[in-house]
Amino acid sequence: MFAATNVDDLLVLAVFFGRAASWRIVIGQYAGFLAILAASVLGALGAGLLPTAVIPYLGLLPLFLGIRAALRAWRERHAPADSSTETSKAPSAWQVAAVTFANGGDNIGVYVPVFAVSGPGGMTIYSLVFLIGVGLWCAAGWWLATRPVIARALSRRGHVILPVVLIAIGLTILIEGDAFGL
């Protein structure tokens, strides 16, 4: 269940790690996923943290971040490459968390009914397995980003790939969720 609802995160993580390997990415991925788990648990317990009608609008987060990254890339397109700016290329933990959470509408949609029937013990086991899965996903994303062919592509085109991926995720969430009647 974790792999099926998070396969798209591998590409996003590879792109993030391709920008700069950073613990901020791992921290942000865990923070975003913890928010997904919290919303799923609360939803399963009947608290309804996120009404179904709100979930498609989460696509605005990666869309905004993608547009912001595209504008930054456009402004810096003629700037000389400088290794001292490498850490500034890494997304912040909150940016990763926001993208992870926004991209987690399908996770919430799948986890809530499963959690609702699994009870507190089942929710705890699922959550622990999922948190281990997040660590494996981060490792896999880093591994993908460090493969020579992928790393070269990300280093040459990562400044373009990241905004495109984020904008595509945002639009996909908005369109598939029928936000704004799209």
N, C-alpha and C. Protein backbone atom coordinates (compact mmCIF):
# COMPACT_ATOMS: atom_id res chain seq x y z
N MET A 1 0.83 -1.19 0.00
CA MET A 1 0.00 0.00 0.00
C MET A 1 0.88 1.26 0.00
N PHE A 2 1.96 1.24 0.79
CA PHE A 2 2.86 2.40 0.83
C PHE A 2 3.49 2.63 -0.54
N ALA A 3 4.01 1.58 -1.16
CA ALA A 3 4.67 1.73 -2.46
C ALA A 3 3.71 2.24 -3.52
N ALA A 4 2.49 1.71 -3.51
CA ALA A 4 1.52 2.10 -4.53
C ALA A 4 1.14 3.57 -4.42
N THR A 5 1.05 4.09 -3.21
CA THR A 5 0.64 5.48 -3.04
C THR A 5 1.81 6.46 -3.03
N ASN A 6 3.04 5.96 -3.08
CA ASN A 6 4.19 6.85 -3.00
C ASN A 6 5.19 6.68 -4.15
N VAL A 7 4.83 5.95 -5.18
CA VAL A 7 5.77 5.72 -6.27
C VAL A 7 6.17 7.04 -6.93
N ASP A 8 5.26 7.99 -7.00
CA ASP A 8 5.56 9.28 -7.61
C ASP A 8 6.57 10.08 -6.78
N ASP A 9 6.64 9.80 -5.48
CA ASP A 9 7.59 10.50 -4.62
C ASP A 9 9.04 10.14 -4.96
N LEU A 10 9.28 8.98 -5.56
CA LEU A 10 10.67 8.64 -5.92
C LEU A 10 11.25 9.65 -6.89
N LEU A 11 10.48 10.03 -7.90
CA LEU A 11 10.96 11.02 -8.86
C LEU A 11 11.18 12.36 -8.17
N VAL A 12 10.24 12.76 -7.35
CA VAL A 12 10.36 14.04 -6.65
C VAL A 12 11.59 14.04 -5.75
N LEU A 13 11.79 12.96 -5.00
CA LEU A 13 12.95 12.87 -4.13
C LEU A 13 14.25 12.87 -4.93
N ALA A 14 14.28 12.16 -6.05
CA ALA A 14 15.49 12.15 -6.89
C ALA A 14 15.80 13.55 -7.39
N VAL A 15 14.77 14.29 -7.77
CA VAL A 15 14.98 15.67 -8.23
C VAL A 15 15.49 16.53 -7.09
N PHE A 16 14.87 16.41 -5.92
CA PHE A 16 15.33 17.18 -4.76
C PHE A 16 16.78 16.84 -4.42
N PHE A 17 17.10 15.54 -4.34
CA PHE A 17 18.47 15.14 -4.02
C PHE A 17 19.44 15.51 -5.13
N GLY A 18 18.95 15.59 -6.36
CA GLY A 18 19.79 16.01 -7.47
C GLY A 18 20.21 17.47 -7.36
N ARG A 19 19.39 18.26 -6.71
CA ARG A 19 19.73 19.68 -6.49
C ARG A 19 20.84 19.79 -5.47
N ALA A 20 20.76 19.04 -4.41
CA ALA A 20 21.79 19.01 -3.37
C ALA A 20 21.40 17.96 -2.34
N ALA A 21 22.31 17.05 -2.07
CA ALA A 21 22.05 16.04 -1.04
C ALA A 21 22.03 16.76 0.31
N SER A 22 20.93 16.65 1.00
CA SER A 22 20.78 17.40 2.24
C SER A 22 19.84 16.67 3.18
N TRP A 23 20.14 16.76 4.46
CA TRP A 23 19.25 16.19 5.47
C TRP A 23 17.94 16.94 5.51
N ARG A 24 17.92 18.17 4.99
CA ARG A 24 16.67 18.93 4.95
C ARG A 24 15.61 18.20 4.13
N ILE A 25 16.07 17.50 3.10
CA ILE A 25 15.14 16.76 2.24
C ILE A 25 14.52 15.61 3.04
N VAL A 26 15.35 14.88 3.77
CA VAL A 26 14.87 13.76 4.57
C VAL A 26 13.93 14.27 5.67
N ILE A 27 14.34 15.32 6.35
CA ILE A 27 13.51 15.90 7.41
C ILE A 27 12.17 16.37 6.84
N GLY A 28 12.21 17.05 5.71
CA GLY A 28 10.98 17.53 5.08
C GLY A 28 10.09 16.39 4.63
N GLN A 29 10.69 15.33 4.10
CA GLN A 29 9.90 14.18 3.66
C GLN A 29 9.20 13.53 4.86
N TYR A 30 9.93 13.39 5.95
CA TYR A 30 9.32 12.82 7.15
C TYR A 30 8.24 13.75 7.71
N ALA A 31 8.50 15.04 7.74
CA ALA A 31 7.51 15.99 8.27
C ALA A 31 6.23 15.96 7.43
N GLY A 32 6.39 15.98 6.12
CA GLY A 32 5.22 15.92 5.24
C GLY A 32 4.45 14.62 5.38
N PHE A 33 5.20 13.53 5.50
CA PHE A 33 4.53 12.24 5.64
C PHE A 33 3.86 12.09 7.00
N LEU A 34 4.48 12.65 8.05
CA LEU A 34 3.83 12.63 9.36
C LEU A 34 2.52 13.40 9.32
N ALA A 35 2.48 14.49 8.57
CA ALA A 35 1.23 15.24 8.42
C ALA A 35 0.19 14.40 7.68
N ILE A 36 0.62 13.65 6.68
CA ILE A 36 -0.29 12.74 5.96
C ILE A 36 -0.84 11.68 6.92
N LEU A 37 0.06 11.11 7.72
CA LEU A 37 -0.38 10.09 8.69
C LEU A 37 -1.35 10.70 9.70
N ALA A 38 -1.03 11.88 10.19
CA ALA A 38 -1.91 12.53 11.17
C ALA A 38 -3.30 12.77 10.57
N ALA A 39 -3.34 13.30 9.36
CA ALA A 39 -4.63 13.54 8.71
C ALA A 39 -5.38 12.23 8.49
N SER A 40 -4.66 11.18 8.15
CA SER A 40 -5.29 9.88 7.91
C SER A 40 -5.83 9.28 9.20
N VAL A 41 -5.05 9.35 10.26
CA VAL A 41 -5.49 8.82 11.54
C VAL A 41 -6.69 9.61 12.05
N LEU A 42 -6.60 10.94 11.99
CA LEU A 42 -7.74 11.76 12.44
C LEU A 42 -8.97 11.51 11.58
N GLY A 43 -8.75 11.37 10.28
CA GLY A 43 -9.86 11.06 9.39
C GLY A 43 -10.48 9.72 9.73
N ALA A 44 -9.63 8.73 10.03
CA ALA A 44 -10.13 7.40 10.39
C ALA A 44 -10.86 7.43 11.72
N LEU A 45 -10.44 8.28 12.62
CA LEU A 45 -11.10 8.37 13.92
C LEU A 45 -12.35 9.24 13.86
N GLY A 46 -12.64 9.79 12.68
CA GLY A 46 -13.86 10.56 12.51
C GLY A 46 -13.70 12.04 12.73
N ALA A 47 -12.46 12.50 12.95
CA ALA A 47 -12.26 13.91 13.22
C ALA A 47 -12.36 14.75 11.94
N GLY A 48 -12.14 14.14 10.80
CA GLY A 48 -12.30 14.85 9.53
C GLY A 48 -11.41 16.07 9.41
N LEU A 49 -10.13 15.92 9.68
CA LEU A 49 -9.21 17.06 9.59
C LEU A 49 -9.25 17.71 8.21
N LEU A 50 -9.25 16.91 7.18
CA LEU A 50 -9.30 17.44 5.82
C LEU A 50 -10.56 16.96 5.12
N PRO A 51 -11.51 17.84 4.93
CA PRO A 51 -12.69 17.44 4.16
C PRO A 51 -12.27 17.05 2.74
N THR A 52 -12.95 16.10 2.17
CA THR A 52 -12.64 15.61 0.83
C THR A 52 -12.58 16.75 -0.18
N ALA A 53 -13.43 17.73 -0.04
CA ALA A 53 -13.47 18.83 -0.99
C ALA A 53 -12.21 19.70 -0.95
N VAL A 54 -11.46 19.66 0.14
CA VAL A 54 -10.26 20.49 0.28
C VAL A 54 -9.04 19.85 -0.37
N ILE A 55 -8.99 18.53 -0.42
CA ILE A 55 -7.80 17.81 -0.87
C ILE A 55 -7.31 18.26 -2.24
N PRO A 56 -8.15 18.44 -3.24
CA PRO A 56 -7.63 18.87 -4.55
C PRO A 56 -6.88 20.21 -4.51
N TYR A 57 -7.27 21.09 -3.60
CA TYR A 57 -6.64 22.40 -3.53
C TYR A 57 -5.24 22.35 -2.92
N LEU A 58 -4.86 21.20 -2.37
CA LEU A 58 -3.49 21.04 -1.92
C LEU A 58 -2.52 21.12 -3.10
N GLY A 59 -3.03 20.92 -4.31
CA GLY A 59 -2.20 21.05 -5.51
C GLY A 59 -1.65 22.45 -5.69
N LEU A 60 -2.25 23.43 -5.03
CA LEU A 60 -1.74 24.80 -5.12
C LEU A 60 -0.35 24.93 -4.50
N LEU A 61 -0.04 24.09 -3.48
CA LEU A 61 1.28 24.16 -2.83
C LEU A 61 2.41 23.82 -3.79
N PRO A 62 2.43 22.63 -4.41
CA PRO A 62 3.53 22.36 -5.33
C PRO A 62 3.50 23.27 -6.57
N LEU A 63 2.30 23.68 -6.99
CA LEU A 63 2.21 24.60 -8.12
C LEU A 63 2.92 25.91 -7.79
N PHE A 64 2.62 26.47 -6.62
CA PHE A 64 3.27 27.70 -6.18
C PHE A 64 4.78 27.50 -6.06
N LEU A 65 5.20 26.42 -5.42
CA LEU A 65 6.64 26.17 -5.26
C LEU A 65 7.33 25.97 -6.61
N GLY A 66 6.66 25.32 -7.55
CA GLY A 66 7.21 25.13 -8.89
C GLY A 66 7.36 26.44 -9.64
N ILE A 67 6.36 27.29 -9.55
CA ILE A 67 6.44 28.60 -10.21
C ILE A 67 7.56 29.42 -9.58
N ARG A 68 7.66 29.36 -8.26
CA ARG A 68 8.73 30.09 -7.58
C ARG A 68 10.11 29.57 -8.00
N ALA A 69 10.27 28.25 -8.10
CA ALA A 69 11.54 27.67 -8.54
C ALA A 69 11.84 28.05 -9.99
N ALA A 70 10.81 28.10 -10.83
CA ALA A 70 11.00 28.48 -12.23
C ALA A 70 11.45 29.94 -12.33
N LEU A 71 10.83 30.81 -11.54
CA LEU A 71 11.23 32.22 -11.55
C LEU A 71 12.67 32.39 -11.06
N ARG A 72 13.04 31.64 -10.04
CA ARG A 72 14.42 31.69 -9.53
C ARG A 72 15.40 31.19 -10.60
N ALA A 73 15.06 30.11 -11.27
CA ALA A 73 15.92 29.57 -12.33
C ALA A 73 16.05 30.58 -13.47
N TRP A 74 14.96 31.25 -13.79
CA TRP A 74 14.97 32.25 -14.86
C TRP A 74 15.89 33.42 -14.50
N ARG A 75 15.79 33.88 -13.25
CA ARG A 75 16.64 35.00 -12.80
C ARG A 75 18.11 34.60 -12.77
N GLU A 76 18.40 33.36 -12.43
CA GLU A 76 19.79 32.91 -12.27
C GLU A 76 20.35 32.23 -13.51
N ARG A 77 19.66 32.30 -14.63
CA ARG A 77 20.08 31.55 -15.82
C ARG A 77 21.43 31.97 -16.36
N HIS A 78 21.85 33.20 -16.14
CA HIS A 78 23.14 33.66 -16.65
C HIS A 78 24.17 33.84 -15.55
N ALA A 79 23.79 33.46 -14.34
CA ALA A 79 24.74 33.59 -13.23
C ALA A 79 25.81 32.51 -13.36
N PRO A 80 27.06 32.86 -13.05
CA PRO A 80 28.12 31.86 -13.14
C PRO A 80 27.91 30.76 -12.10
N ALA A 81 28.29 29.55 -12.48
CA ALA A 81 28.19 28.43 -11.54
C ALA A 81 29.16 28.67 -10.40
N ASP A 82 28.68 28.51 -9.17
CA ASP A 82 29.50 28.77 -8.00
C ASP A 82 29.18 27.70 -6.97
N SER A 83 30.19 26.93 -6.61
CA SER A 83 29.96 25.83 -5.67
C SER A 83 29.56 26.34 -4.29
N SER A 84 29.84 27.59 -3.99
CA SER A 84 29.47 28.11 -2.67
C SER A 84 27.96 28.27 -2.53
N THR A 85 27.23 28.27 -3.64
CA THR A 85 25.78 28.40 -3.57
C THR A 85 25.08 27.05 -3.56
N GLU A 86 25.82 25.98 -3.50
CA GLU A 86 25.23 24.64 -3.57
C GLU A 86 24.18 24.40 -2.49
N THR A 87 24.43 24.83 -1.26
CA THR A 87 23.44 24.59 -0.22
C THR A 87 22.19 25.43 -0.42
N SER A 88 22.32 26.57 -1.10
CA SER A 88 21.12 27.37 -1.35
C SER A 88 20.24 26.73 -2.41
N LYS A 89 20.78 25.81 -3.21
CA LYS A 89 19.99 25.12 -4.22
C LYS A 89 19.10 24.06 -3.60
N ALA A 90 19.48 23.59 -2.44
CA ALA A 90 18.69 22.56 -1.78
C ALA A 90 17.38 23.16 -1.29
N PRO A 91 16.28 22.45 -1.51
CA PRO A 91 15.01 22.96 -0.99
C PRO A 91 15.03 22.92 0.54
N SER A 92 14.26 23.79 1.13
CA SER A 92 14.16 23.79 2.59
C SER A 92 13.31 22.60 3.02
N ALA A 93 13.41 22.26 4.28
CA ALA A 93 12.62 21.16 4.82
C ALA A 93 11.12 21.45 4.67
N TRP A 94 10.73 22.71 4.89
CA TRP A 94 9.30 23.03 4.79
C TRP A 94 8.81 22.91 3.36
N GLN A 95 9.67 23.23 2.37
CA GLN A 95 9.26 23.08 0.96
C GLN A 95 9.04 21.60 0.63
N VAL A 96 9.96 20.75 1.07
CA VAL A 96 9.82 19.31 0.84
C VAL A 96 8.57 18.80 1.55
N ALA A 97 8.36 19.24 2.78
CA ALA A 97 7.19 18.80 3.55
C ALA A 97 5.90 19.24 2.85
N ALA A 98 5.88 20.47 2.36
CA ALA A 98 4.68 20.97 1.68
C ALA A 98 4.38 20.17 0.43
N VAL A 99 5.41 19.87 -0.37
CA VAL A 99 5.21 19.08 -1.58
C VAL A 99 4.76 17.67 -1.22
N THR A 100 5.39 17.09 -0.22
CA THR A 100 5.02 15.73 0.21
C THR A 100 3.56 15.69 0.66
N PHE A 101 3.17 16.65 1.50
CA PHE A 101 1.79 16.67 1.99
C PHE A 101 0.81 16.93 0.85
N ALA A 102 1.12 17.89 0.01
CA ALA A 102 0.22 18.23 -1.10
C ALA A 102 0.06 17.06 -2.05
N ASN A 103 1.13 16.31 -2.23
CA ASN A 103 1.10 15.16 -3.13
C ASN A 103 0.51 13.93 -2.43
N GLY A 104 0.07 14.08 -1.19
CA GLY A 104 -0.40 12.95 -0.41
C GLY A 104 -1.90 12.77 -0.37
N GLY A 105 -2.63 13.46 -1.22
CA GLY A 105 -4.08 13.29 -1.23
C GLY A 105 -4.49 11.86 -1.51
N ASP A 106 -3.77 11.20 -2.43
CA ASP A 106 -4.09 9.80 -2.70
C ASP A 106 -3.76 8.93 -1.50
N ASN A 107 -2.68 9.27 -0.79
CA ASN A 107 -2.33 8.52 0.42
C ASN A 107 -3.47 8.62 1.43
N ILE A 108 -3.92 9.84 1.70
CA ILE A 108 -4.98 10.05 2.68
C ILE A 108 -6.25 9.30 2.24
N GLY A 109 -6.56 9.39 0.96
CA GLY A 109 -7.75 8.71 0.45
C GLY A 109 -7.70 7.20 0.62
N VAL A 110 -6.51 6.63 0.55
CA VAL A 110 -6.35 5.18 0.72
C VAL A 110 -6.22 4.82 2.19
N TYR A 111 -5.45 5.61 2.93
CA TYR A 111 -5.15 5.25 4.33
C TYR A 111 -6.36 5.38 5.25
N VAL A 112 -7.20 6.40 5.05
CA VAL A 112 -8.33 6.62 5.96
C VAL A 112 -9.23 5.38 6.06
N PRO A 113 -9.70 4.83 4.95
CA PRO A 113 -10.57 3.65 5.11
C PRO A 113 -9.84 2.43 5.68
N VAL A 114 -8.57 2.27 5.31
CA VAL A 114 -7.81 1.14 5.85
C VAL A 114 -7.61 1.33 7.35
N PHE A 115 -7.24 2.53 7.76
CA PHE A 115 -7.05 2.81 9.18
C PHE A 115 -8.36 2.65 9.94
N ALA A 116 -9.46 3.05 9.33
CA ALA A 116 -10.75 3.00 10.01
C ALA A 116 -11.14 1.57 10.37
N VAL A 117 -10.76 0.62 9.54
CA VAL A 117 -11.13 -0.77 9.83
C VAL A 117 -10.03 -1.53 10.58
N SER A 118 -8.84 -0.95 10.68
CA SER A 118 -7.73 -1.69 11.30
C SER A 118 -7.62 -1.47 12.80
N GLY A 119 -8.27 -0.45 13.32
CA GLY A 119 -8.22 -0.20 14.76
C GLY A 119 -6.90 0.42 15.18
N PRO A 120 -6.79 0.80 16.45
CA PRO A 120 -5.58 1.49 16.93
C PRO A 120 -4.30 0.67 16.76
N GLY A 121 -4.36 -0.61 17.02
CA GLY A 121 -3.17 -1.46 16.87
C GLY A 121 -2.73 -1.54 15.42
N GLY A 122 -3.69 -1.72 14.54
CA GLY A 122 -3.39 -1.79 13.11
C GLY A 122 -2.84 -0.48 12.58
N MET A 123 -3.44 0.63 13.03
CA MET A 123 -2.95 1.95 12.61
C MET A 123 -1.51 2.15 13.05
N THR A 124 -1.19 1.70 14.25
CA THR A 124 0.17 1.84 14.77
C THR A 124 1.15 1.03 13.92
N ILE A 125 0.79 -0.19 13.61
CA ILE A 125 1.67 -1.04 12.79
C ILE A 125 1.83 -0.45 11.39
N TYR A 126 0.72 -0.07 10.77
CA TYR A 126 0.80 0.56 9.45
C TYR A 126 1.71 1.79 9.50
N SER A 127 1.50 2.62 10.50
CA SER A 127 2.28 3.86 10.60
C SER A 127 3.77 3.57 10.75
N LEU A 128 4.11 2.62 11.57
CA LEU A 128 5.53 2.26 11.74
C LEU A 128 6.13 1.72 10.44
N VAL A 129 5.40 0.86 9.76
CA VAL A 129 5.88 0.33 8.48
C VAL A 129 6.03 1.47 7.47
N PHE A 130 5.06 2.37 7.43
CA PHE A 130 5.12 3.49 6.49
C PHE A 130 6.32 4.40 6.80
N LEU A 131 6.59 4.63 8.07
CA LEU A 131 7.73 5.48 8.43
C LEU A 131 9.06 4.83 8.05
N ILE A 132 9.14 3.52 8.15
CA ILE A 132 10.32 2.82 7.65
C ILE A 132 10.38 2.97 6.12
N GLY A 133 9.22 2.89 5.49
CA GLY A 133 9.15 3.07 4.04
C GLY A 133 9.63 4.44 3.59
N VAL A 134 9.33 5.47 4.37
CA VAL A 134 9.81 6.83 4.04
C VAL A 134 11.33 6.84 4.01
N GLY A 135 11.96 6.21 4.99
CA GLY A 135 13.42 6.14 5.01
C GLY A 135 13.96 5.40 3.80
N LEU A 136 13.31 4.30 3.42
CA LEU A 136 13.72 3.56 2.23
C LEU A 136 13.52 4.40 0.97
N TRP A 137 12.43 5.14 0.92
CA TRP A 137 12.15 6.01 -0.24
C TRP A 137 13.21 7.11 -0.35
N CYS A 138 13.59 7.68 0.78
CA CYS A 138 14.64 8.71 0.77
C CYS A 138 15.95 8.11 0.26
N ALA A 139 16.28 6.93 0.75
CA ALA A 139 17.51 6.27 0.30
C ALA A 139 17.44 5.97 -1.19
N ALA A 140 16.30 5.50 -1.67
CA ALA A 140 16.14 5.20 -3.09
C ALA A 140 16.21 6.47 -3.94
N GLY A 141 15.60 7.56 -3.46
CA GLY A 141 15.67 8.83 -4.19
C GLY A 141 17.10 9.34 -4.27
N TRP A 142 17.83 9.25 -3.16
CA TRP A 142 19.24 9.65 -3.16
C TRP A 142 20.03 8.76 -4.10
N TRP A 143 19.78 7.44 -4.06
CA TRP A 143 20.50 6.51 -4.93
C TRP A 143 20.25 6.85 -6.39
N LEU A 144 19.00 7.10 -6.75
CA LEU A 144 18.69 7.47 -8.14
C LEU A 144 19.42 8.74 -8.54
N ALA A 145 19.44 9.72 -7.65
CA ALA A 145 20.06 11.01 -7.96
C ALA A 145 21.58 10.89 -8.09
N THR A 146 22.17 9.85 -7.52
CA THR A 146 23.63 9.71 -7.57
C THR A 146 24.10 8.72 -8.65
N ARG A 147 23.19 8.16 -9.44
CA ARG A 147 23.61 7.33 -10.58
C ARG A 147 24.20 8.27 -11.61
N PRO A 148 25.36 7.92 -12.20
CA PRO A 148 26.05 8.86 -13.09
C PRO A 148 25.17 9.46 -14.19
N VAL A 149 24.41 8.66 -14.87
CA VAL A 149 23.58 9.19 -15.97
C VAL A 149 22.51 10.13 -15.42
N ILE A 150 21.85 9.71 -14.36
CA ILE A 150 20.80 10.54 -13.77
C ILE A 150 21.41 11.79 -13.14
N ALA A 151 22.54 11.61 -12.43
CA ALA A 151 23.19 12.76 -11.79
C ALA A 151 23.62 13.80 -12.81
N ARG A 152 24.16 13.37 -13.95
CA ARG A 152 24.56 14.33 -15.00
C ARG A 152 23.34 15.08 -15.52
N ALA A 153 22.26 14.34 -15.77
CA ALA A 153 21.04 14.99 -16.27
C ALA A 153 20.49 15.97 -15.24
N LEU A 154 20.49 15.56 -13.97
CA LEU A 154 19.97 16.45 -12.93
C LEU A 154 20.87 17.66 -12.73
N SER A 155 22.20 17.48 -12.84
CA SER A 155 23.08 18.63 -12.65
C SER A 155 22.98 19.61 -13.81
N ARG A 156 22.77 19.08 -15.02
CA ARG A 156 22.63 19.96 -16.18
C ARG A 156 21.25 20.58 -16.28
N ARG A 157 20.23 19.82 -15.95
CA ARG A 157 18.85 20.28 -16.17
C ARG A 157 17.99 20.30 -14.92
N GLY A 158 18.58 20.06 -13.76
CA GLY A 158 17.81 20.03 -12.52
C GLY A 158 17.10 21.32 -12.24
N HIS A 159 17.70 22.45 -12.61
CA HIS A 159 17.06 23.75 -12.38
C HIS A 159 15.80 23.90 -13.22
N VAL A 160 15.68 23.11 -14.30
CA VAL A 160 14.48 23.12 -15.13
C VAL A 160 13.54 22.00 -14.71
N ILE A 161 14.13 20.83 -14.38
CA ILE A 161 13.33 19.66 -14.05
C ILE A 161 12.51 19.89 -12.79
N LEU A 162 13.12 20.46 -11.75
CA LEU A 162 12.41 20.66 -10.48
C LEU A 162 11.13 21.49 -10.66
N PRO A 163 11.21 22.68 -11.28
CA PRO A 163 9.96 23.43 -11.45
C PRO A 163 8.92 22.69 -12.30
N VAL A 164 9.37 22.01 -13.34
CA VAL A 164 8.44 21.28 -14.20
C VAL A 164 7.74 20.18 -13.41
N VAL A 165 8.51 19.42 -12.62
CA VAL A 165 7.93 18.34 -11.82
C VAL A 165 6.94 18.91 -10.80
N LEU A 166 7.32 19.97 -10.10
CA LEU A 166 6.43 20.55 -9.10
C LEU A 166 5.16 21.11 -9.72
N ILE A 167 5.30 21.82 -10.82
CA ILE A 167 4.12 22.37 -11.50
C ILE A 167 3.22 21.24 -12.00
N ALA A 168 3.83 20.19 -12.56
CA ALA A 168 3.05 19.05 -13.05
C ALA A 168 2.30 18.36 -11.91
N ILE A 169 2.96 18.19 -10.77
CA ILE A 169 2.29 17.59 -9.61
C ILE A 169 1.12 18.47 -9.17
N GLY A 170 1.36 19.75 -9.07
CA GLY A 170 0.30 20.67 -8.66
C GLY A 170 -0.88 20.63 -9.60
N LEU A 171 -0.62 20.71 -10.89
CA LEU A 171 -1.70 20.67 -11.87
C LEU A 171 -2.43 19.33 -11.86
N THR A 172 -1.68 18.25 -11.72
CA THR A 172 -2.30 16.92 -11.67
C THR A 172 -3.24 16.81 -10.48
N ILE A 173 -2.80 17.27 -9.33
CA ILE A 173 -3.65 17.22 -8.14
C ILE A 173 -4.90 18.06 -8.34
N LEU A 174 -4.73 19.26 -8.89
CA LEU A 174 -5.87 20.14 -9.12
C LEU A 174 -6.85 19.55 -10.15
N ILE A 175 -6.31 19.03 -11.24
CA ILE A 175 -7.17 18.51 -12.32
C ILE A 175 -7.85 17.21 -11.90
N GLU A 176 -7.08 16.27 -11.35
CA GLU A 176 -7.67 14.99 -10.95
C GLU A 176 -8.66 15.16 -9.81
N GLY A 177 -8.46 16.17 -8.98
CA GLY A 177 -9.39 16.43 -7.88
C GLY A 177 -10.57 17.28 -8.29
N ASP A 178 -10.62 17.67 -9.56
CA ASP A 178 -11.71 18.49 -10.10
C ASP A 178 -11.83 19.84 -9.39
N ALA A 179 -10.66 20.37 -9.00
CA ALA A 179 -10.65 21.71 -8.40
C ALA A 179 -10.99 22.72 -9.48
N PHE A 180 -11.71 23.72 -9.11
CA PHE A 180 -12.08 24.81 -10.03
C PHE A 180 -12.86 24.29 -11.24
N GLY A 181 -13.43 23.10 -11.16
CA GLY A 181 -14.20 22.53 -12.28
C GLY A 181 -13.34 22.19 -13.48
N LEU A 182 -12.02 21.91 -13.24
CA LEU A 182 -11.11 21.60 -14.35
C LEU A 182 -11.36 20.20 -14.87
